[in-house]
């Protein structure tokens, strides 16, 4: 079997590509240097191959308050990218299944985060534009399936974590930011200030666990949207407590800035469908996953935790 992966050099891509190859697939891995997905014809260089699976991971976004300041750019760039991928899929790879990556922020904050609500209600305002581009990508898959019988799958992850996260100056997802700030305080005596009151809650899933589920579903399941998560959430204060325990940092030194952006107050996916589809579902426990991620930060300290200038 052959697979093409967009966004292959991103955080998820660096785990998915080797997992697919270990699974016996021949993989074409595409990063932004290989193809500018905003441009028509950017994927035509791969037309001579016949793919069984196309994983569309590429997206233009960052964590934190990035979406607040780049809403127009996010709409234009992500819509351009997604439209080009959908058009290329329809015109040149109609035999392939397109597996896209959704986002939990597409869910309306006042509705249960279960698959039937993915297109219902209004996403949180601060993430509205990015959320809607992901909804539109899924709507495109639905439309091409209905008219042309194209096969698709949309996978919606909770926040993914583990080693290998970006160290190029981009804003980090909350779990990496918590670890980074606590370790910098431990090594360099910097103050630790977290955004919000610490009572907002989040769900995380080790990236390797997500990839294992994604590869299995990509082979076995068609024409659906599936949440992939652990089904449980914890407060920011609880995450901070566990990280402090593992790093030996004094938790009482942490302060919270309630004036800063926090996003949704709660975010936890319903995973009833996933449990039905994959009764063998087994997620790495939080303490083990945090230990793995903290170890990666420390082992790569020169880039993840550079000394203050």
Foldseek 3Di string as FASTA:
>chain_A
DEEEEEPLVADLNVQQVVVVVVVPYHYHYDYCVQFQLLDAPRCVVVLVDAHAEYEYEDADDFDDLGLQPCLPVRQNRLLSNLVNVLVCCVPRHQNYEYEYEAELQCADLVDAQEFVRSPPDAGDPSCRRNSVSRVVSVVSVVVCCVPPVRKYEYEYEFAEDFFDHDLPPTDHHPLLVLLQQQVLCVVPVDAAEAEAPQQQKGFYAYSNLVSVLVVVCSVPPIDGYAYDGDQDIDTSLVSNVLSCVVVVGDSVRYHYDNVGDDGRSYTGHDHPVVCVVCVVRDTDDPSVRSVRRSVNCVVPVCRNPNHDD
